[in-house]
Amino acid sequence: MAVGIGITWGAHDWRLGIRVVAGALAAAAGLRLVLPQRDAGMLAVRPRLVDVILAGSVAAALFVLAENIPDQPV
């Protein structure tokens, strides 16, 4: 996620940065889905299904928003 925020801030390419953040959230959701409870570490904050649904939903929302927000005139 830090890389995505850095891309957004430093390279001024907010769409790419938000896609990277969305990818990191999707990866966290996938890891939470497959890792056992003892290996999940800080990913295991809530019950597994809640974590996967929340992280996956936010990732999907960020990706859809990054793709659908029109470019603004400068």
PDB file of N, CA and C in Angstrom:
ATOM      1  N   MET A   1       0.819  -1.182   0.000  1.00  0.00           N
ATOM      2  CA  MET A   1       0.000   0.000   0.000  1.00  0.00           C
ATOM      3  C   MET A   1       0.866   1.249   0.000  1.00  0.00           C
ATOM      4  N   ALA A   2       1.987   1.188   0.701  1.00  0.00           N
ATOM      5  CA  ALA A   2       2.876   2.345   0.747  1.00  0.00           C
ATOM      6  C   ALA A   2       3.413   2.679  -0.646  1.00  0.00           C
ATOM      7  N   VAL A   3       3.681   1.662  -1.447  1.00  0.00           N
ATOM      8  CA  VAL A   3       4.164   1.904  -2.813  1.00  0.00           C
ATOM      9  C   VAL A   3       3.090   2.622  -3.623  1.00  0.00           C
ATOM     10  N   GLY A   4       1.853   2.190  -3.489  1.00  0.00           N
ATOM     11  CA  GLY A   4       0.753   2.832  -4.210  1.00  0.00           C
ATOM     12  C   GLY A   4       0.564   4.281  -3.800  1.00  0.00           C
ATOM     13  N   ILE A   5       0.659   4.552  -2.512  1.00  0.00           N
ATOM     14  CA  ILE A   5       0.540   5.928  -2.037  1.00  0.00           C
ATOM     15  C   ILE A   5       1.716   6.752  -2.541  1.00  0.00           C
ATOM     16  N   GLY A   6       2.914   6.148  -2.552  1.00  0.00           N
ATOM     17  CA  GLY A   6       4.080   6.852  -3.081  1.00  0.00           C
ATOM     18  C   GLY A   6       3.941   7.174  -4.562  1.00  0.00           C
ATOM     19  N   ILE A   7       3.396   6.246  -5.326  1.00  0.00           N
ATOM     20  CA  ILE A   7       3.167   6.493  -6.753  1.00  0.00           C
ATOM     21  C   ILE A   7       2.165   7.625  -6.928  1.00  0.00           C
ATOM     22  N   THR A   8       1.105   7.601  -6.150  1.00  0.00           N
ATOM     23  CA  THR A   8       0.087   8.641  -6.249  1.00  0.00           C
ATOM     24  C   THR A   8       0.666  10.008  -5.921  1.00  0.00           C
ATOM     25  N   TRP A   9       1.473  10.061  -4.890  1.00  0.00           N
ATOM     26  CA  TRP A   9       2.011  11.333  -4.440  1.00  0.00           C
ATOM     27  C   TRP A   9       3.203  11.794  -5.279  1.00  0.00           C
ATOM     28  N   GLY A  10       4.130  10.886  -5.539  1.00  0.00           N
ATOM     29  CA  GLY A  10       5.374  11.271  -6.193  1.00  0.00           C
ATOM     30  C   GLY A  10       5.286  11.349  -7.700  1.00  0.00           C
ATOM     31  N   ALA A  11       4.655  10.397  -8.321  1.00  0.00           N
ATOM     32  CA  ALA A  11       4.600  10.352  -9.778  1.00  0.00           C
ATOM     33  C   ALA A  11       3.387  11.089 -10.328  1.00  0.00           C
ATOM     34  N   HIS A  12       2.513  11.514  -9.460  1.00  0.00           N
ATOM     35  CA  HIS A  12       1.292  12.227  -9.854  1.00  0.00           C
ATOM     36  C   HIS A  12       0.440  11.418 -10.830  1.00  0.00           C
ATOM     37  N   ASP A  13       0.498  10.099 -10.700  1.00  0.00           N
ATOM     38  CA  ASP A  13      -0.359   9.208 -11.485  1.00  0.00           C
ATOM     39  C   ASP A  13      -1.307   8.529 -10.501  1.00  0.00           C
ATOM     40  N   TRP A  14      -2.383   9.218 -10.167  1.00  0.00           N
ATOM     41  CA  TRP A  14      -3.252   8.740  -9.092  1.00  0.00           C
ATOM     42  C   TRP A  14      -3.963   7.448  -9.463  1.00  0.00           C
ATOM     43  N   ARG A  15      -4.273   7.256 -10.736  1.00  0.00           N
ATOM     44  CA  ARG A  15      -4.966   6.024 -11.123  1.00  0.00           C
ATOM     45  C   ARG A  15      -4.084   4.791 -10.889  1.00  0.00           C
ATOM     46  N   LEU A  16      -2.829   4.875 -11.286  1.00  0.00           N
ATOM     47  CA  LEU A  16      -1.910   3.758 -11.070  1.00  0.00           C
ATOM     48  C   LEU A  16      -1.704   3.519  -9.577  1.00  0.00           C
ATOM     49  N   GLY A  17      -1.533   4.581  -8.818  1.00  0.00           N
ATOM     50  CA  GLY A  17      -1.335   4.443  -7.379  1.00  0.00           C
ATOM     51  C   GLY A  17      -2.521   3.784  -6.694  1.00  0.00           C
ATOM     52  N   ILE A  18      -3.726   4.169  -7.064  1.00  0.00           N
ATOM     53  CA  ILE A  18      -4.926   3.583  -6.471  1.00  0.00           C
ATOM     54  C   ILE A  18      -5.073   2.127  -6.899  1.00  0.00           C
ATOM     55  N   ARG A  19      -4.689   1.811  -8.128  1.00  0.00           N
ATOM     56  CA  ARG A  19      -4.721   0.405  -8.560  1.00  0.00           C
ATOM     57  C   ARG A  19      -3.754  -0.448  -7.737  1.00  0.00           C
ATOM     58  N   VAL A  20      -2.592   0.098  -7.431  1.00  0.00           N
ATOM     59  CA  VAL A  20      -1.620  -0.643  -6.616  1.00  0.00           C
ATOM     60  C   VAL A  20      -2.163  -0.852  -5.206  1.00  0.00           C
ATOM     61  N   VAL A  21      -2.782   0.186  -4.630  1.00  0.00           N
ATOM     62  CA  VAL A  21      -3.399   0.052  -3.301  1.00  0.00           C
ATOM     63  C   VAL A  21      -4.502  -1.005  -3.345  1.00  0.00           C
ATOM     64  N   ALA A  22      -5.337  -0.966  -4.381  1.00  0.00           N
ATOM     65  CA  ALA A  22      -6.405  -1.964  -4.518  1.00  0.00           C
ATOM     66  C   ALA A  22      -5.820  -3.370  -4.652  1.00  0.00           C
ATOM     67  N   GLY A  23      -4.723  -3.507  -5.386  1.00  0.00           N
ATOM     68  CA  GLY A  23      -4.076  -4.804  -5.519  1.00  0.00           C
ATOM     69  C   GLY A  23      -3.529  -5.306  -4.193  1.00  0.00           C
ATOM     70  N   ALA A  24      -2.974  -4.402  -3.392  1.00  0.00           N
ATOM     71  CA  ALA A  24      -2.463  -4.793  -2.073  1.00  0.00           C
ATOM     72  C   ALA A  24      -3.602  -5.260  -1.173  1.00  0.00           C
ATOM     73  N   LEU A  25      -4.725  -4.575  -1.210  1.00  0.00           N
ATOM     74  CA  LEU A  25      -5.883  -4.999  -0.417  1.00  0.00           C
ATOM     75  C   LEU A  25      -6.428  -6.341  -0.900  1.00  0.00           C
ATOM     76  N   ALA A  26      -6.454  -6.529  -2.209  1.00  0.00           N
ATOM     77  CA  ALA A  26      -6.921  -7.810  -2.749  1.00  0.00           C
ATOM     78  C   ALA A  26      -5.971  -8.940  -2.342  1.00  0.00           C
ATOM     79  N   ALA A  27      -4.669  -8.670  -2.349  1.00  0.00           N
ATOM     80  CA  ALA A  27      -3.703  -9.673  -1.920  1.00  0.00           C
ATOM     81  C   ALA A  27      -3.881  -9.998  -0.439  1.00  0.00           C
ATOM     82  N   ALA A  28      -4.125  -8.980   0.373  1.00  0.00           N
ATOM     83  CA  ALA A  28      -4.361  -9.214   1.809  1.00  0.00           C
ATOM     84  C   ALA A  28      -5.611 -10.062   2.008  1.00  0.00           C
ATOM     85  N   ALA A  29      -6.662  -9.787   1.239  1.00  0.00           N
ATOM     86  CA  ALA A  29      -7.883 -10.593   1.346  1.00  0.00           C
ATOM     87  C   ALA A  29      -7.613 -12.036   0.945  1.00  0.00           C
ATOM     88  N   GLY A  30      -6.850 -12.223  -0.120  1.00  0.00           N
ATOM     89  CA  GLY A  30      -6.530 -13.579  -0.557  1.00  0.00           C
ATOM     90  C   GLY A  30      -5.672 -14.328   0.452  1.00  0.00           C
ATOM     91  N   LEU A  31      -4.697 -13.633   1.020  1.00  0.00           N
ATOM     92  CA  LEU A  31      -3.866 -14.272   2.044  1.00  0.00           C
ATOM     93  C   LEU A  31      -4.675 -14.620   3.279  1.00  0.00           C
ATOM     94  N   ARG A  32      -5.570 -13.733   3.666  1.00  0.00           N
ATOM     95  CA  ARG A  32      -6.408 -13.996   4.844  1.00  0.00           C
ATOM     96  C   ARG A  32      -7.297 -15.204   4.591  1.00  0.00           C
ATOM     97  N   LEU A  33      -7.710 -15.385   3.361  1.00  0.00           N
ATOM     98  CA  LEU A  33      -8.576 -16.515   3.013  1.00  0.00           C
ATOM     99  C   LEU A  33      -7.839 -17.852   3.116  1.00  0.00           C
ATOM    100  N   VAL A  34      -6.569 -17.889   2.739  1.00  0.00           N
ATOM    101  CA  VAL A  34      -5.861 -19.168   2.676  1.00  0.00           C
ATOM    102  C   VAL A  34      -4.945 -19.463   3.857  1.00  0.00           C
ATOM    103  N   LEU A  35      -4.509 -18.433   4.570  1.00  0.00           N
ATOM    104  CA  LEU A  35      -3.591 -18.674   5.685  1.00  0.00           C
ATOM    105  C   LEU A  35      -4.326 -19.213   6.907  1.00  0.00           C
ATOM    106  N   PRO A  36      -3.715 -20.151   7.627  1.00  0.00           N
ATOM    107  CA  PRO A  36      -4.316 -20.596   8.886  1.00  0.00           C
ATOM    108  C   PRO A  36      -4.279 -19.475   9.923  1.00  0.00           C
ATOM    109  N   GLN A  37      -5.155 -19.554  10.896  1.00  0.00           N
ATOM    110  CA  GLN A  37      -5.294 -18.510  11.919  1.00  0.00           C
ATOM    111  C   GLN A  37      -3.952 -18.180  12.574  1.00  0.00           C
ATOM    112  N   ARG A  38      -3.151 -19.177  12.899  1.00  0.00           N
ATOM    113  CA  ARG A  38      -1.896 -18.931  13.609  1.00  0.00           C
ATOM    114  C   ARG A  38      -0.856 -18.239  12.741  1.00  0.00           C
ATOM    115  N   ASP A  39      -0.964 -18.347  11.410  1.00  0.00           N
ATOM    116  CA  ASP A  39      -0.003 -17.719  10.505  1.00  0.00           C
ATOM    117  C   ASP A  39      -0.488 -16.382   9.948  1.00  0.00           C
ATOM    118  N   ALA A  40      -1.732 -16.013  10.203  1.00  0.00           N
ATOM    119  CA  ALA A  40      -2.296 -14.793   9.629  1.00  0.00           C
ATOM    120  C   ALA A  40      -1.770 -13.535  10.299  1.00  0.00           C
ATOM    121  N   GLY A  41      -1.301 -13.636  11.527  1.00  0.00           N
ATOM    122  CA  GLY A  41      -0.735 -12.478  12.217  1.00  0.00           C
ATOM    123  C   GLY A  41      -1.730 -11.335  12.336  1.00  0.00           C
ATOM    124  N   MET A  42      -1.293 -10.141  11.943  1.00  0.00           N
ATOM    125  CA  MET A  42      -2.139  -8.958  12.065  1.00  0.00           C
ATOM    126  C   MET A  42      -3.261  -8.923  11.027  1.00  0.00           C
ATOM    127  N   LEU A  43      -3.242  -9.828  10.050  1.00  0.00           N
ATOM    128  CA  LEU A  43      -4.369  -9.906   9.115  1.00  0.00           C
ATOM    129  C   LEU A  43      -5.613 -10.449   9.807  1.00  0.00           C
ATOM    130  N   ALA A  44      -5.427 -11.184  10.897  1.00  0.00           N
ATOM    131  CA  ALA A  44      -6.540 -11.819  11.605  1.00  0.00           C
ATOM    132  C   ALA A  44      -7.073 -10.892  12.689  1.00  0.00           C
ATOM    133  N   VAL A  45      -7.773  -9.868  12.290  1.00  0.00           N
ATOM    134  CA  VAL A  45      -8.325  -8.908  13.244  1.00  0.00           C
ATOM    135  C   VAL A  45      -9.750  -9.305  13.627  1.00  0.00           C
ATOM    136  N   ARG A  46     -10.527  -9.696  12.652  1.00  0.00           N
ATOM    137  CA  ARG A  46     -11.917 -10.099  12.837  1.00  0.00           C
ATOM    138  C   ARG A  46     -12.061 -11.535  12.357  1.00  0.00           C
ATOM    139  N   PRO A  47     -13.258 -12.064  12.394  1.00  0.00           N
ATOM    140  CA  PRO A  47     -13.449 -13.402  11.803  1.00  0.00           C
ATOM    141  C   PRO A  47     -13.028 -13.418  10.325  1.00  0.00           C
ATOM    142  N   ARG A  48     -12.565 -14.547   9.873  1.00  0.00           N
ATOM    143  CA  ARG A  48     -11.991 -14.683   8.526  1.00  0.00           C
ATOM    144  C   ARG A  48     -12.918 -14.161   7.430  1.00  0.00           C
ATOM    145  N   LEU A  49     -14.167 -14.578   7.440  1.00  0.00           N
ATOM    146  CA  LEU A  49     -15.093 -14.176   6.388  1.00  0.00           C
ATOM    147  C   LEU A  49     -15.298 -12.662   6.365  1.00  0.00           C
ATOM    148  N   VAL A  50     -15.394 -12.051   7.523  1.00  0.00           N
ATOM    149  CA  VAL A  50     -15.570 -10.591   7.599  1.00  0.00           C
ATOM    150  C   VAL A  50     -14.350  -9.893   7.026  1.00  0.00           C
ATOM    151  N   ASP A  51     -13.143 -10.339   7.393  1.00  0.00           N
ATOM    152  CA  ASP A  51     -11.920  -9.741   6.869  1.00  0.00           C
ATOM    153  C   ASP A  51     -11.850  -9.839   5.350  1.00  0.00           C
ATOM    154  N   VAL A  52     -12.158 -11.008   4.813  1.00  0.00           N
ATOM    155  CA  VAL A  52     -12.080 -11.213   3.370  1.00  0.00           C
ATOM    156  C   VAL A  52     -13.101 -10.344   2.642  1.00  0.00           C
ATOM    157  N   ILE A  53     -14.320 -10.292   3.154  1.00  0.00           N
ATOM    158  CA  ILE A  53     -15.367  -9.493   2.507  1.00  0.00           C
ATOM    159  C   ILE A  53     -15.032  -8.001   2.559  1.00  0.00           C
ATOM    160  N   LEU A  54     -14.581  -7.517   3.708  1.00  0.00           N
ATOM    161  CA  LEU A  54     -14.263  -6.092   3.831  1.00  0.00           C
ATOM    162  C   LEU A  54     -13.085  -5.689   2.944  1.00  0.00           C
ATOM    163  N   ALA A  55     -11.996  -6.412   3.029  1.00  0.00           N
ATOM    164  CA  ALA A  55     -10.816  -6.056   2.232  1.00  0.00           C
ATOM    165  C   ALA A  55     -11.099  -6.210   0.736  1.00  0.00           C
ATOM    166  N   GLY A  56     -11.789  -7.269   0.361  1.00  0.00           N
ATOM    167  CA  GLY A  56     -12.130  -7.469  -1.047  1.00  0.00           C
ATOM    168  C   GLY A  56     -13.075  -6.411  -1.575  1.00  0.00           C
ATOM    169  N   SER A  57     -14.035  -6.002  -0.761  1.00  0.00           N
ATOM    170  CA  SER A  57     -14.989  -4.966  -1.182  1.00  0.00           C
ATOM    171  C   SER A  57     -14.303  -3.617  -1.365  1.00  0.00           C
ATOM    172  N   VAL A  58     -13.438  -3.261  -0.447  1.00  0.00           N
ATOM    173  CA  VAL A  58     -12.721  -1.986  -0.569  1.00  0.00           C
ATOM    174  C   VAL A  58     -11.794  -2.026  -1.781  1.00  0.00           C
ATOM    175  N   ALA A  59     -11.127  -3.154  -2.007  1.00  0.00           N
ATOM    176  CA  ALA A  59     -10.257  -3.284  -3.184  1.00  0.00           C
ATOM    177  C   ALA A  59     -11.065  -3.126  -4.465  1.00  0.00           C
ATOM    178  N   ALA A  60     -12.196  -3.789  -4.553  1.00  0.00           N
ATOM    179  CA  ALA A  60     -13.041  -3.684  -5.752  1.00  0.00           C
ATOM    180  C   ALA A  60     -13.558  -2.267  -5.949  1.00  0.00           C
ATOM    181  N   ALA A  61     -13.983  -1.628  -4.865  1.00  0.00           N
ATOM    182  CA  ALA A  61     -14.496  -0.259  -4.960  1.00  0.00           C
ATOM    183  C   ALA A  61     -13.405   0.699  -5.434  1.00  0.00           C
ATOM    184  N   LEU A  62     -12.194   0.578  -4.892  1.00  0.00           N
ATOM    185  CA  LEU A  62     -11.101   1.453  -5.315  1.00  0.00           C
ATOM    186  C   LEU A  62     -10.759   1.244  -6.785  1.00  0.00           C
ATOM    187  N   PHE A  63     -10.725  -0.004  -7.212  1.00  0.00           N
ATOM    188  CA  PHE A  63     -10.408  -0.280  -8.611  1.00  0.00           C
ATOM    189  C   PHE A  63     -11.482   0.286  -9.542  1.00  0.00           C
ATOM    190  N   VAL A  64     -12.746   0.086  -9.200  1.00  0.00           N
ATOM    191  CA  VAL A  64     -13.847   0.604 -10.030  1.00  0.00           C
ATOM    192  C   VAL A  64     -13.819   2.128 -10.067  1.00  0.00           C
ATOM    193  N   LEU A  65     -13.603   2.760  -8.926  1.00  0.00           N
ATOM    194  CA  LEU A  65     -13.541   4.222  -8.898  1.00  0.00           C
ATOM    195  C   LEU A  65     -12.368   4.752  -9.713  1.00  0.00           C
ATOM    196  N   ALA A  66     -11.206   4.117  -9.599  1.00  0.00           N
ATOM    197  CA  ALA A  66     -10.041   4.569 -10.357  1.00  0.00           C
ATOM    198  C   ALA A  66     -10.278   4.455 -11.861  1.00  0.00           C
ATOM    199  N   GLU A  67     -11.050   3.479 -12.261  1.00  0.00           N
ATOM    200  CA  GLU A  67     -11.324   3.308 -13.688  1.00  0.00           C
ATOM    201  C   GLU A  67     -12.430   4.221 -14.207  1.00  0.00           C
ATOM    202  N   ASN A  68     -13.367   4.612 -13.343  1.00  0.00           N
ATOM    203  CA  ASN A  68     -14.557   5.304 -13.833  1.00  0.00           C
ATOM    204  C   ASN A  68     -14.612   6.796 -13.566  1.00  0.00           C
ATOM    205  N   ILE A  69     -13.728   7.333 -12.752  1.00  0.00           N
ATOM    206  CA  ILE A  69     -13.731   8.777 -12.521  1.00  0.00           C
ATOM    207  C   ILE A  69     -13.150   9.445 -13.767  1.00  0.00           C
ATOM    208  N   PRO A  70     -13.899  10.350 -14.360  1.00  0.00           N
ATOM    209  CA  PRO A  70     -13.394  10.987 -15.589  1.00  0.00           C
ATOM    210  C   PRO A  70     -12.221  11.936 -15.287  1.00  0.00           C
ATOM    211  N   ASP A  71     -11.362  12.101 -16.280  1.00  0.00           N
ATOM    212  CA  ASP A  71     -10.261  13.062 -16.154  1.00  0.00           C
ATOM    213  C   ASP A  71     -10.822  14.476 -16.071  1.00  0.00           C
ATOM    214  N   GLN A  72     -10.216  15.266 -15.226  1.00  0.00           N
ATOM    215  CA  GLN A  72     -10.648  16.649 -15.061  1.00  0.00           C
ATOM    216  C   GLN A  72      -9.776  17.551 -15.916  1.00  0.00           C
ATOM    217  N   PRO A  73     -10.374  18.582 -16.514  1.00  0.00           N
ATOM    218  CA  PRO A  73      -9.547  19.529 -17.282  1.00  0.00           C
ATOM    219  C   PRO A  73      -8.588  20.272 -16.359  1.00  0.00           C
ATOM    220  N   VAL A  74      -7.418  20.548 -16.881  1.00  0.00           N
ATOM    221  CA  VAL A  74      -6.386  21.201 -16.067  1.00  0.00           C
ATOM    222  C   VAL A  74      -6.564  22.684 -16.063  1.00  0.00           C
TER     223      VAL A  74
END
